[in-house]
Amino acid sequence: MKYLIVGLGNIGPEYQDTRHNIGFTILDALARASNVFFEDKRYGFVTQVKLKGRTLVLLKPSIFMNLSGHALRYWMQKEKIEIENVLVIVDDIALPFGTLRLKPQGSDAGHNGLKNIQDILGHNSYARLRFGIGNDFPKGYQVEYVLGKWDEEEQKLLPERMDRAIEMIKSFCLAGMQLTMTQFNNK
């Protein structure tokens, strides 16, 4: 059984380790822990992780975040992965820092990456793991905050939250959506 795990982020060194790139950061950590490396392929950086008889195709789109749907669709088709086995990891300013929420579907909530995925797929019925980045910014500074680096306190807590996100990804692939939501959401 195959799964497509898509971490949203922006390409380029100026975006590395920013709040908006948490999807890339989590997939990088999962790849490191699995001792695999990303390869630069069509529409993204891709690798595979084997997990108890399952194959997780990890994708970091190499096109702008607001075009992420093209990469997702291409790799779904190439790897013949059904939408039920797709998980998108995304930052969310509506959630406090470090809060993790798995959802089977939902709106784009103003996130351009999710909006493009919805536009390309023609629906919003795909799983997403929302990683809360908080919203501690003055009015009018949302872009600077989202594209900013983690503060000192966040950096201390980030490894544990990323480990938790990886546990959720693995659980999604092994136990399914409902059991994973029951076990991890609201904790």
C-alpha atoms as a PDB file:
ATOM      1  CA  MET A   1       0.000   0.000   0.000  1.00  0.00           C
ATOM      2  CA  LYS A   2       1.336   3.456  -0.934  1.00  0.00           C
ATOM      3  CA  TYR A   3       0.849   6.845   0.704  1.00  0.00           C
ATOM      4  CA  LEU A   4       1.753  10.300  -0.559  1.00  0.00           C
ATOM      5  CA  ILE A   5       2.901  12.594   2.243  1.00  0.00           C
ATOM      6  CA  VAL A   6       3.220  16.184   1.003  1.00  0.00           C
ATOM      7  CA  GLY A   7       4.982  18.790   3.119  1.00  0.00           C
ATOM      8  CA  LEU A   8       4.174  22.331   2.018  1.00  0.00           C
ATOM      9  CA  GLY A   9       6.888  24.961   1.964  1.00  0.00           C
ATOM     10  CA  ASN A  10       8.726  27.445  -0.202  1.00  0.00           C
ATOM     11  CA  ILE A  11      11.912  26.597  -2.045  1.00  0.00           C
ATOM     12  CA  GLY A  12      15.101  28.555  -1.523  1.00  0.00           C
ATOM     13  CA  PRO A  13      17.524  29.092   1.365  1.00  0.00           C
ATOM     14  CA  GLU A  14      15.777  32.294   2.473  1.00  0.00           C
ATOM     15  CA  TYR A  15      12.708  30.242   3.463  1.00  0.00           C
ATOM     16  CA  GLN A  16      14.547  27.461   5.272  1.00  0.00           C
ATOM     17  CA  ASP A  17      13.536  27.088   8.935  1.00  0.00           C
ATOM     18  CA  THR A  18      10.648  29.541   8.621  1.00  0.00           C
ATOM     19  CA  ARG A  19       7.197  28.943  10.096  1.00  0.00           C
ATOM     20  CA  HIS A  20       5.666  28.622   6.632  1.00  0.00           C
ATOM     21  CA  ASN A  21       8.070  25.780   5.787  1.00  0.00           C
ATOM     22  CA  ILE A  22       7.108  23.475   8.653  1.00  0.00           C
ATOM     23  CA  GLY A  23       5.868  20.890   6.113  1.00  0.00           C
ATOM     24  CA  PHE A  24       9.357  20.681   4.582  1.00  0.00           C
ATOM     25  CA  THR A  25      10.974  20.642   8.029  1.00  0.00           C
ATOM     26  CA  ILE A  26       8.846  17.734   9.260  1.00  0.00           C
ATOM     27  CA  LEU A  27       9.531  15.675   6.130  1.00  0.00           C
ATOM     28  CA  ASP A  28      13.255  16.408   6.437  1.00  0.00           C
ATOM     29  CA  ALA A  29      13.155  15.081  10.019  1.00  0.00           C
ATOM     30  CA  LEU A  30      11.212  11.975   8.961  1.00  0.00           C
ATOM     31  CA  ALA A  31      13.688  11.287   6.141  1.00  0.00           C
ATOM     32  CA  ARG A  32      16.677  11.728   8.490  1.00  0.00           C
ATOM     33  CA  ALA A  33      15.132   9.376  11.071  1.00  0.00           C
ATOM     34  CA  SER A  34      14.521   6.816   8.300  1.00  0.00           C
ATOM     35  CA  ASN A  35      18.043   7.241   6.870  1.00  0.00           C
ATOM     36  CA  VAL A  36      16.781   8.195   3.399  1.00  0.00           C
ATOM     37  CA  PHE A  37      17.606  11.191   1.236  1.00  0.00           C
ATOM     38  CA  PHE A  38      15.529  13.387  -1.037  1.00  0.00           C
ATOM     39  CA  GLU A  39      16.196  13.425  -4.764  1.00  0.00           C
ATOM     40  CA  ASP A  40      15.411  16.375  -7.025  1.00  0.00           C
ATOM     41  CA  LYS A  41      12.734  15.043  -9.368  1.00  0.00           C
ATOM     42  CA  ARG A  42       9.906  16.465 -11.434  1.00  0.00           C
ATOM     43  CA  TYR A  43       7.908  19.044  -9.450  1.00  0.00           C
ATOM     44  CA  GLY A  44       9.629  18.220  -6.193  1.00  0.00           C
ATOM     45  CA  PHE A  45      12.147  16.640  -3.904  1.00  0.00           C
ATOM     46  CA  VAL A  46      11.075  13.043  -3.365  1.00  0.00           C
ATOM     47  CA  THR A  47      12.081  10.037  -1.293  1.00  0.00           C
ATOM     48  CA  GLN A  48      10.438   6.889   0.000  1.00  0.00           C
ATOM     49  CA  VAL A  49      10.157   5.451   3.482  1.00  0.00           C
ATOM     50  CA  LYS A  50       9.189   1.834   4.141  1.00  0.00           C
ATOM     51  CA  LEU A  51       6.928   1.360   7.154  1.00  0.00           C
ATOM     52  CA  LYS A  52       5.598  -2.095   8.100  1.00  0.00           C
ATOM     53  CA  GLY A  53       4.775  -3.173   4.561  1.00  0.00           C
ATOM     54  CA  ARG A  54       3.708   0.285   3.437  1.00  0.00           C
ATOM     55  CA  THR A  55       5.529   2.749   1.199  1.00  0.00           C
ATOM     56  CA  LEU A  56       5.426   6.417   2.121  1.00  0.00           C
ATOM     57  CA  VAL A  57       6.304   8.680  -0.807  1.00  0.00           C
ATOM     58  CA  LEU A  58       7.525  11.930   0.765  1.00  0.00           C
ATOM     59  CA  LEU A  59       7.164  14.999  -1.441  1.00  0.00           C
ATOM     60  CA  LYS A  60       8.464  18.530  -0.935  1.00  0.00           C
ATOM     61  CA  PRO A  61       7.139  20.443  -3.974  1.00  0.00           C
ATOM     62  CA  SER A  62       9.861  22.400  -5.760  1.00  0.00           C
ATOM     63  CA  ILE A  63       7.431  24.878  -7.263  1.00  0.00           C
ATOM     64  CA  PHE A  64       5.990  27.891  -5.494  1.00  0.00           C
ATOM     65  CA  MET A  65       3.678  27.011  -2.619  1.00  0.00           C
ATOM     66  CA  ASN A  66       0.690  28.574  -4.374  1.00  0.00           C
ATOM     67  CA  LEU A  67       1.198  25.999  -7.184  1.00  0.00           C
ATOM     68  CA  SER A  68       1.599  22.943  -4.889  1.00  0.00           C
ATOM     69  CA  GLY A  69      -1.460  21.231  -6.359  1.00  0.00           C
ATOM     70  CA  HIS A  70       0.383  20.539  -9.612  1.00  0.00           C
ATOM     71  CA  ALA A  71       3.100  18.602  -7.789  1.00  0.00           C
ATOM     72  CA  LEU A  72       0.583  16.725  -5.649  1.00  0.00           C
ATOM     73  CA  ARG A  73      -1.505  15.684  -8.661  1.00  0.00           C
ATOM     74  CA  TYR A  74       1.560  14.648 -10.690  1.00  0.00           C
ATOM     75  CA  TRP A  75       2.934  12.389  -7.937  1.00  0.00           C
ATOM     76  CA  MET A  76      -0.494  10.939  -7.110  1.00  0.00           C
ATOM     77  CA  GLN A  77      -0.854   9.909 -10.749  1.00  0.00           C
ATOM     78  CA  LYS A  78       2.751   8.760 -11.186  1.00  0.00           C
ATOM     79  CA  GLU A  79       2.688   6.594  -8.052  1.00  0.00           C
ATOM     80  CA  LYS A  80      -0.980   5.549  -8.538  1.00  0.00           C
ATOM     81  CA  ILE A  81      -1.975   6.730  -5.053  1.00  0.00           C
ATOM     82  CA  GLU A  82      -5.634   7.206  -4.185  1.00  0.00           C
ATOM     83  CA  ILE A  83      -6.769  10.447  -2.538  1.00  0.00           C
ATOM     84  CA  GLU A  84      -7.587   8.538   0.686  1.00  0.00           C
ATOM     85  CA  ASN A  85      -3.848   7.848   1.028  1.00  0.00           C
ATOM     86  CA  VAL A  86      -2.720  11.453   0.601  1.00  0.00           C
ATOM     87  CA  LEU A  87      -1.706  13.592   3.587  1.00  0.00           C
ATOM     88  CA  VAL A  88      -0.712  17.268   3.303  1.00  0.00           C
ATOM     89  CA  ILE A  89       1.328  18.869   6.101  1.00  0.00           C
ATOM     90  CA  VAL A  90       0.702  22.580   6.439  1.00  0.00           C
ATOM     91  CA  ASP A  91       1.307  25.505   8.790  1.00  0.00           C
ATOM     92  CA  ASP A  92      -1.752  27.073  10.440  1.00  0.00           C
ATOM     93  CA  ILE A  93      -1.881  30.501  12.108  1.00  0.00           C
ATOM     94  CA  ALA A  94      -5.325  29.754  13.567  1.00  0.00           C
ATOM     95  CA  LEU A  95      -3.791  27.180  15.937  1.00  0.00           C
ATOM     96  CA  PRO A  96      -1.502  27.981  18.881  1.00  0.00           C
ATOM     97  CA  PHE A  97       2.155  27.119  18.364  1.00  0.00           C
ATOM     98  CA  GLY A  98       2.799  23.384  18.303  1.00  0.00           C
ATOM     99  CA  THR A  99      -0.855  22.335  18.237  1.00  0.00           C
ATOM    100  CA  LEU A 100      -1.336  19.444  15.825  1.00  0.00           C
ATOM    101  CA  ARG A 101      -4.685  18.681  14.163  1.00  0.00           C
ATOM    102  CA  LEU A 102      -5.379  15.936  11.691  1.00  0.00           C
ATOM    103  CA  LYS A 103      -8.446  16.537   9.519  1.00  0.00           C
ATOM    104  CA  PRO A 104      -9.969  14.413   6.739  1.00  0.00           C
ATOM    105  CA  GLN A 105     -10.993  17.519   4.753  1.00  0.00           C
ATOM    106  CA  GLY A 106     -11.689  21.213   5.177  1.00  0.00           C
ATOM    107  CA  SER A 107     -11.391  24.676   3.767  1.00  0.00           C
ATOM    108  CA  ASP A 108      -8.143  26.246   2.643  1.00  0.00           C
ATOM    109  CA  ALA A 109      -8.436  28.734   5.570  1.00  0.00           C
ATOM    110  CA  GLY A 110      -6.712  31.357   3.451  1.00  0.00           C
ATOM    111  CA  HIS A 111      -3.631  29.179   2.851  1.00  0.00           C
ATOM    112  CA  ASN A 112      -2.512  29.569  -0.780  1.00  0.00           C
ATOM    113  CA  GLY A 113      -0.974  26.087  -0.959  1.00  0.00           C
ATOM    114  CA  LEU A 114      -4.206  24.432   0.180  1.00  0.00           C
ATOM    115  CA  LYS A 115      -6.230  26.690  -2.101  1.00  0.00           C
ATOM    116  CA  ASN A 116      -4.232  25.562  -5.134  1.00  0.00           C
ATOM    117  CA  ILE A 117      -4.513  21.897  -4.149  1.00  0.00           C
ATOM    118  CA  GLN A 118      -8.278  22.298  -3.854  1.00  0.00           C
ATOM    119  CA  ASP A 119      -8.437  24.079  -7.216  1.00  0.00           C
ATOM    120  CA  ILE A 120      -6.366  21.377  -8.954  1.00  0.00           C
ATOM    121  CA  LEU A 121      -8.198  18.429  -7.353  1.00  0.00           C
ATOM    122  CA  GLY A 122     -11.630  20.053  -7.680  1.00  0.00           C
ATOM    123  CA  HIS A 123     -12.492  19.244  -4.053  1.00  0.00           C
ATOM    124  CA  ASN A 124     -11.218  19.616  -0.492  1.00  0.00           C
ATOM    125  CA  SER A 125     -11.626  15.979   0.568  1.00  0.00           C
ATOM    126  CA  TYR A 126      -7.996  15.160   1.300  1.00  0.00           C
ATOM    127  CA  ALA A 127      -6.317  14.704   4.665  1.00  0.00           C
ATOM    128  CA  ARG A 128      -4.218  17.449   6.138  1.00  0.00           C
ATOM    129  CA  LEU A 129      -2.062  17.663   9.223  1.00  0.00           C
ATOM    130  CA  ARG A 130      -2.223  21.226  10.471  1.00  0.00           C
ATOM    131  CA  PHE A 131       0.766  22.409  12.521  1.00  0.00           C
ATOM    132  CA  GLY A 132      -0.063  25.452  14.628  1.00  0.00           C
ATOM    133  CA  ILE A 133       2.382  28.316  14.282  1.00  0.00           C
ATOM    134  CA  GLY A 134       0.367  30.766  16.405  1.00  0.00           C
ATOM    135  CA  ASN A 135      -0.570  34.293  15.482  1.00  0.00           C
ATOM    136  CA  ASP A 136       1.546  36.437  17.761  1.00  0.00           C
ATOM    137  CA  PHE A 137       2.088  39.294  15.332  1.00  0.00           C
ATOM    138  CA  PRO A 138       0.954  42.908  15.146  1.00  0.00           C
ATOM    139  CA  LYS A 139      -1.874  43.777  12.767  1.00  0.00           C
ATOM    140  CA  GLY A 140      -0.605  44.012   9.213  1.00  0.00           C
ATOM    141  CA  TYR A 141       2.499  41.840   9.808  1.00  0.00           C
ATOM    142  CA  GLN A 142       1.099  38.388   9.014  1.00  0.00           C
ATOM    143  CA  VAL A 143       3.384  37.816   6.010  1.00  0.00           C
ATOM    144  CA  GLU A 144       6.498  38.794   7.971  1.00  0.00           C
ATOM    145  CA  TYR A 145       5.456  36.501  10.822  1.00  0.00           C
ATOM    146  CA  VAL A 146       4.625  33.485   8.662  1.00  0.00           C
ATOM    147  CA  LEU A 147       7.817  33.867   6.626  1.00  0.00           C
ATOM    148  CA  GLY A 148       9.850  34.590   9.774  1.00  0.00           C
ATOM    149  CA  LYS A 149      12.144  32.260  11.661  1.00  0.00           C
ATOM    150  CA  TRP A 150      11.077  30.489  14.861  1.00  0.00           C
ATOM    151  CA  ASP A 151      11.765  32.465  18.025  1.00  0.00           C
ATOM    152  CA  GLU A 152      14.033  31.091  20.778  1.00  0.00           C
ATOM    153  CA  GLU A 153      11.213  29.567  22.854  1.00  0.00           C
ATOM    154  CA  GLU A 154       9.634  27.941  19.786  1.00  0.00           C
ATOM    155  CA  GLN A 155      12.999  26.488  18.749  1.00  0.00           C
ATOM    156  CA  LYS A 156      13.283  24.737  22.133  1.00  0.00           C
ATOM    157  CA  LEU A 157       9.840  23.132  21.772  1.00  0.00           C
ATOM    158  CA  LEU A 158      10.001  22.400  18.043  1.00  0.00           C
ATOM    159  CA  PRO A 159      11.823  19.007  18.154  1.00  0.00           C
ATOM    160  CA  GLU A 160       9.210  17.432  20.445  1.00  0.00           C
ATOM    161  CA  ARG A 161       6.314  18.811  18.359  1.00  0.00           C
ATOM    162  CA  MET A 162       7.943  17.568  15.140  1.00  0.00           C
ATOM    163  CA  ASP A 163       8.416  14.101  16.676  1.00  0.00           C
ATOM    164  CA  ARG A 164       4.727  14.130  17.551  1.00  0.00           C
ATOM    165  CA  ALA A 165       3.844  15.121  13.961  1.00  0.00           C
ATOM    166  CA  ILE A 166       5.937  12.209  12.650  1.00  0.00           C
ATOM    167  CA  GLU A 167       4.098   9.839  15.012  1.00  0.00           C
ATOM    168  CA  MET A 168       0.827  11.145  13.584  1.00  0.00           C
ATOM    169  CA  ILE A 169       1.992  10.620   9.989  1.00  0.00           C
ATOM    170  CA  LYS A 170       2.981   7.034  10.756  1.00  0.00           C
ATOM    171  CA  SER A 171      -0.284   6.405  12.585  1.00  0.00           C
ATOM    172  CA  PHE A 172      -2.276   7.815   9.645  1.00  0.00           C
ATOM    173  CA  CYS A 173      -0.565   5.283   7.361  1.00  0.00           C
ATOM    174  CA  LEU A 174      -0.805   2.327   9.756  1.00  0.00           C
ATOM    175  CA  ALA A 175      -4.023   2.866  11.726  1.00  0.00           C
ATOM    176  CA  GLY A 176      -6.023   5.209   9.489  1.00  0.00           C
ATOM    177  CA  MET A 177      -7.627   8.609   9.831  1.00  0.00           C
ATOM    178  CA  GLN A 178     -10.211   7.997  12.572  1.00  0.00           C
ATOM    179  CA  LEU A 179      -7.967   6.141  15.021  1.00  0.00           C
ATOM    180  CA  THR A 180      -5.188   8.683  14.530  1.00  0.00           C
ATOM    181  CA  MET A 181      -7.561  11.601  15.120  1.00  0.00           C
ATOM    182  CA  THR A 182      -8.900   9.923  18.261  1.00  0.00           C
ATOM    183  CA  GLN A 183      -5.430   9.193  19.596  1.00  0.00           C
ATOM    184  CA  PHE A 184      -3.671  12.466  18.772  1.00  0.00           C
ATOM    185  CA  ASN A 185      -6.098  15.374  18.257  1.00  0.00           C
ATOM    186  CA  ASN A 186      -6.834  17.474  21.371  1.00  0.00           C
ATOM    187  CA  LYS A 187      -3.670  16.232  23.100  1.00  0.00           C
END
